[in-house]
Amino acid sequence: MDSEVGRGECIQALENKCIQKFMRIPWTAVLTSKQVYKMAGMETELLSHLKSRKLRYFRHVLTIPSNDTEASATTDPWKR
């Protein structure tokens, strides 16, 4: 299994679990994810939001001058 697909599934599962907690749906309730989202009146948002932020970051990295691009792309942006 591709690690990117696995991460996406984990993020989606987290979003589903959080919505069920907010809606106070017990874990014993047999509901599909679509039913939970319909009850909450929303659609999946977290994974698409993370993907757009990731793309925005890579676009930012591509605008850096070529001599700095490799160093910027290989360092972790969250570590200072």
N, C-alpha and C. Protein backbone atom coordinates (compact mmCIF):
# COMPACT_ATOMS: atom_id res chain seq x y z
N MET A 1 0.84 -1.18 0.00
CA MET A 1 0.00 0.00 0.00
C MET A 1 0.88 1.24 0.00
N ASP A 2 0.53 2.21 -0.81
CA ASP A 2 1.28 3.45 -0.89
C ASP A 2 1.13 4.22 0.41
N SER A 3 2.23 4.76 0.90
CA SER A 3 2.19 5.45 2.19
C SER A 3 1.31 6.70 2.14
N GLU A 4 1.28 7.37 0.97
CA GLU A 4 0.43 8.57 0.83
C GLU A 4 -1.05 8.19 0.92
N VAL A 5 -1.43 7.06 0.35
CA VAL A 5 -2.81 6.59 0.42
C VAL A 5 -3.14 6.21 1.86
N GLY A 6 -2.22 5.56 2.53
CA GLY A 6 -2.43 5.17 3.92
C GLY A 6 -2.62 6.38 4.83
N ARG A 7 -1.83 7.43 4.59
CA ARG A 7 -1.98 8.65 5.39
C ARG A 7 -3.33 9.30 5.13
N GLY A 8 -3.75 9.29 3.87
CA GLY A 8 -5.05 9.87 3.53
C GLY A 8 -6.19 9.14 4.22
N GLU A 9 -6.10 7.84 4.27
CA GLU A 9 -7.13 7.04 4.94
C GLU A 9 -7.13 7.32 6.44
N CYS A 10 -5.95 7.47 7.02
CA CYS A 10 -5.87 7.77 8.46
C CYS A 10 -6.45 9.15 8.77
N ILE A 11 -6.17 10.11 7.91
CA ILE A 11 -6.70 11.46 8.11
C ILE A 11 -8.21 11.45 7.98
N GLN A 12 -8.71 10.70 6.99
CA GLN A 12 -10.16 10.60 6.79
C GLN A 12 -10.83 9.92 7.98
N ALA A 13 -10.19 8.88 8.51
CA ALA A 13 -10.73 8.19 9.67
C ALA A 13 -10.77 9.11 10.90
N LEU A 14 -9.73 9.93 11.06
CA LEU A 14 -9.71 10.89 12.16
C LEU A 14 -10.85 11.89 12.03
N GLU A 15 -11.04 12.40 10.82
CA GLU A 15 -12.12 13.36 10.59
C GLU A 15 -13.47 12.72 10.91
N ASN A 16 -13.68 11.49 10.46
CA ASN A 16 -14.94 10.78 10.74
C ASN A 16 -15.16 10.61 12.24
N LYS A 17 -14.10 10.22 12.94
CA LYS A 17 -14.22 10.00 14.38
C LYS A 17 -14.52 11.31 15.12
N CYS A 18 -13.88 12.40 14.70
CA CYS A 18 -14.13 13.70 15.34
C CYS A 18 -15.57 14.15 15.12
N ILE A 19 -16.08 13.96 13.93
CA ILE A 19 -17.46 14.37 13.65
C ILE A 19 -18.43 13.54 14.49
N GLN A 20 -18.16 12.25 14.62
CA GLN A 20 -19.02 11.40 15.44
C GLN A 20 -18.97 11.85 16.90
N LYS A 21 -17.80 12.26 17.38
CA LYS A 21 -17.70 12.76 18.76
C LYS A 21 -18.48 14.05 18.94
N PHE A 22 -18.33 14.98 17.99
CA PHE A 22 -19.03 16.25 18.08
C PHE A 22 -20.54 16.08 18.01
N MET A 23 -20.98 15.10 17.21
CA MET A 23 -22.41 14.86 17.05
C MET A 23 -22.96 13.94 18.16
N ARG A 24 -22.05 13.48 19.03
CA ARG A 24 -22.40 12.56 20.13
C ARG A 24 -23.08 11.29 19.62
N ILE A 25 -22.51 10.73 18.56
CA ILE A 25 -22.99 9.47 18.01
C ILE A 25 -22.20 8.36 18.69
N PRO A 26 -22.87 7.44 19.35
CA PRO A 26 -22.14 6.38 20.07
C PRO A 26 -21.41 5.46 19.09
N TRP A 27 -20.33 4.88 19.55
CA TRP A 27 -19.54 4.00 18.69
C TRP A 27 -20.30 2.74 18.32
N THR A 28 -21.34 2.42 19.08
CA THR A 28 -22.13 1.22 18.79
C THR A 28 -23.16 1.46 17.68
N ALA A 29 -23.38 2.72 17.30
CA ALA A 29 -24.33 3.02 16.22
C ALA A 29 -23.75 2.55 14.89
N VAL A 30 -24.57 1.87 14.12
CA VAL A 30 -24.13 1.35 12.83
C VAL A 30 -24.53 2.37 11.76
N LEU A 31 -23.59 3.26 11.43
CA LEU A 31 -23.81 4.28 10.42
C LEU A 31 -22.63 4.32 9.47
N THR A 32 -22.91 4.60 8.21
CA THR A 32 -21.83 4.78 7.26
C THR A 32 -21.29 6.20 7.39
N SER A 33 -20.13 6.43 6.83
CA SER A 33 -19.54 7.76 6.87
C SER A 33 -20.44 8.76 6.15
N LYS A 34 -21.04 8.34 5.05
CA LYS A 34 -21.94 9.22 4.29
C LYS A 34 -23.13 9.64 5.15
N GLN A 35 -23.66 8.72 5.93
CA GLN A 35 -24.80 9.04 6.80
C GLN A 35 -24.39 10.03 7.88
N VAL A 36 -23.19 9.86 8.43
CA VAL A 36 -22.71 10.76 9.47
C VAL A 36 -22.53 12.16 8.90
N TYR A 37 -21.92 12.26 7.72
CA TYR A 37 -21.73 13.57 7.10
C TYR A 37 -23.07 14.22 6.74
N LYS A 38 -24.02 13.42 6.33
CA LYS A 38 -25.35 13.96 6.00
C LYS A 38 -26.02 14.50 7.26
N MET A 39 -25.89 13.77 8.38
CA MET A 39 -26.46 14.23 9.65
C MET A 39 -25.79 15.54 10.10
N ALA A 40 -24.49 15.64 9.86
CA ALA A 40 -23.74 16.83 10.27
C ALA A 40 -23.95 17.98 9.30
N GLY A 41 -24.47 17.68 8.11
CA GLY A 41 -24.68 18.71 7.10
C GLY A 41 -23.39 19.23 6.51
N MET A 42 -22.44 18.34 6.29
CA MET A 42 -21.14 18.76 5.74
C MET A 42 -20.57 17.69 4.85
N GLU A 43 -19.46 18.01 4.21
CA GLU A 43 -18.74 17.08 3.36
C GLU A 43 -17.33 16.91 3.91
N THR A 44 -16.60 15.96 3.36
CA THR A 44 -15.23 15.76 3.80
C THR A 44 -14.42 17.00 3.45
N GLU A 45 -13.69 17.51 4.41
CA GLU A 45 -12.96 18.75 4.20
C GLU A 45 -11.49 18.68 4.59
N LEU A 46 -11.18 17.92 5.61
CA LEU A 46 -9.83 17.96 6.18
C LEU A 46 -8.77 17.53 5.17
N LEU A 47 -8.98 16.40 4.51
CA LEU A 47 -7.97 15.87 3.59
C LEU A 47 -7.76 16.82 2.41
N SER A 48 -8.83 17.35 1.86
CA SER A 48 -8.68 18.28 0.73
C SER A 48 -7.99 19.57 1.17
N HIS A 49 -8.27 20.01 2.40
CA HIS A 49 -7.61 21.20 2.92
C HIS A 49 -6.11 20.96 3.09
N LEU A 50 -5.74 19.81 3.61
CA LEU A 50 -4.32 19.50 3.79
C LEU A 50 -3.60 19.39 2.45
N LYS A 51 -4.26 18.79 1.46
CA LYS A 51 -3.65 18.67 0.14
C LYS A 51 -3.42 20.03 -0.49
N SER A 52 -4.40 20.93 -0.35
CA SER A 52 -4.23 22.26 -0.94
C SER A 52 -3.10 23.03 -0.25
N ARG A 53 -2.97 22.87 1.07
CA ARG A 53 -1.89 23.55 1.78
C ARG A 53 -0.53 22.99 1.37
N LYS A 54 -0.48 21.67 1.15
CA LYS A 54 0.76 21.04 0.72
C LYS A 54 1.17 21.55 -0.67
N LEU A 55 0.20 21.65 -1.58
CA LEU A 55 0.49 22.17 -2.91
C LEU A 55 0.92 23.63 -2.86
N ARG A 56 0.28 24.42 -2.00
CA ARG A 56 0.65 25.81 -1.85
C ARG A 56 2.09 25.93 -1.36
N TYR A 57 2.50 25.06 -0.46
CA TYR A 57 3.88 25.08 0.05
C TYR A 57 4.86 24.75 -1.07
N PHE A 58 4.56 23.72 -1.87
CA PHE A 58 5.47 23.35 -2.95
C PHE A 58 5.54 24.44 -4.02
N ARG A 59 4.43 25.13 -4.28
CA ARG A 59 4.47 26.27 -5.19
C ARG A 59 5.39 27.35 -4.63
N HIS A 60 5.32 27.56 -3.35
CA HIS A 60 6.19 28.53 -2.69
C HIS A 60 7.66 28.12 -2.85
N VAL A 61 7.95 26.84 -2.67
CA VAL A 61 9.33 26.35 -2.78
C VAL A 61 9.84 26.54 -4.20
N LEU A 62 8.97 26.37 -5.19
CA LEU A 62 9.39 26.51 -6.57
C LEU A 62 9.72 27.96 -6.95
N THR A 63 9.21 28.93 -6.19
CA THR A 63 9.51 30.33 -6.49
C THR A 63 10.84 30.79 -5.90
N ILE A 64 11.46 29.97 -5.08
CA ILE A 64 12.76 30.29 -4.49
C ILE A 64 13.81 30.17 -5.59
N PRO A 65 14.80 31.05 -5.63
CA PRO A 65 15.86 30.95 -6.65
C PRO A 65 16.49 29.56 -6.68
N SER A 66 16.95 29.15 -7.85
CA SER A 66 17.40 27.77 -8.06
C SER A 66 18.54 27.35 -7.14
N ASN A 67 19.42 28.24 -6.74
CA ASN A 67 20.53 27.83 -5.88
C ASN A 67 20.07 27.52 -4.46
N ASP A 68 18.91 28.02 -4.02
CA ASP A 68 18.39 27.75 -2.69
C ASP A 68 17.31 26.68 -2.66
N THR A 69 16.79 26.29 -3.82
CA THR A 69 15.64 25.38 -3.89
C THR A 69 15.95 24.03 -3.28
N GLU A 70 17.10 23.46 -3.60
CA GLU A 70 17.42 22.13 -3.09
C GLU A 70 17.53 22.13 -1.58
N ALA A 71 18.16 23.11 -1.02
CA ALA A 71 18.30 23.18 0.44
C ALA A 71 16.95 23.38 1.09
N SER A 72 16.08 24.19 0.49
CA SER A 72 14.76 24.46 1.07
C SER A 72 13.86 23.25 0.98
N ALA A 73 13.93 22.51 -0.11
CA ALA A 73 13.05 21.37 -0.32
C ALA A 73 13.42 20.19 0.56
N THR A 74 14.68 20.10 0.96
CA THR A 74 15.12 18.94 1.73
C THR A 74 15.04 19.15 3.23
N THR A 75 14.87 20.38 3.67
CA THR A 75 14.77 20.64 5.11
C THR A 75 13.32 20.58 5.56
N ASP A 76 13.13 20.25 6.79
CA ASP A 76 11.79 20.18 7.35
C ASP A 76 11.31 21.60 7.68
N PRO A 77 10.20 22.07 7.07
CA PRO A 77 9.78 23.44 7.31
C PRO A 77 9.29 23.71 8.71
N TRP A 78 8.97 22.67 9.46
CA TRP A 78 8.39 22.85 10.80
C TRP A 78 9.46 22.89 11.88
N LYS A 79 10.69 22.51 11.54
CA LYS A 79 11.79 22.57 12.49
C LYS A 79 12.52 23.89 12.30
N ARG A 80 12.80 24.53 13.38
CA ARG A 80 13.53 25.81 13.31
C ARG A 80 14.78 25.72 14.10
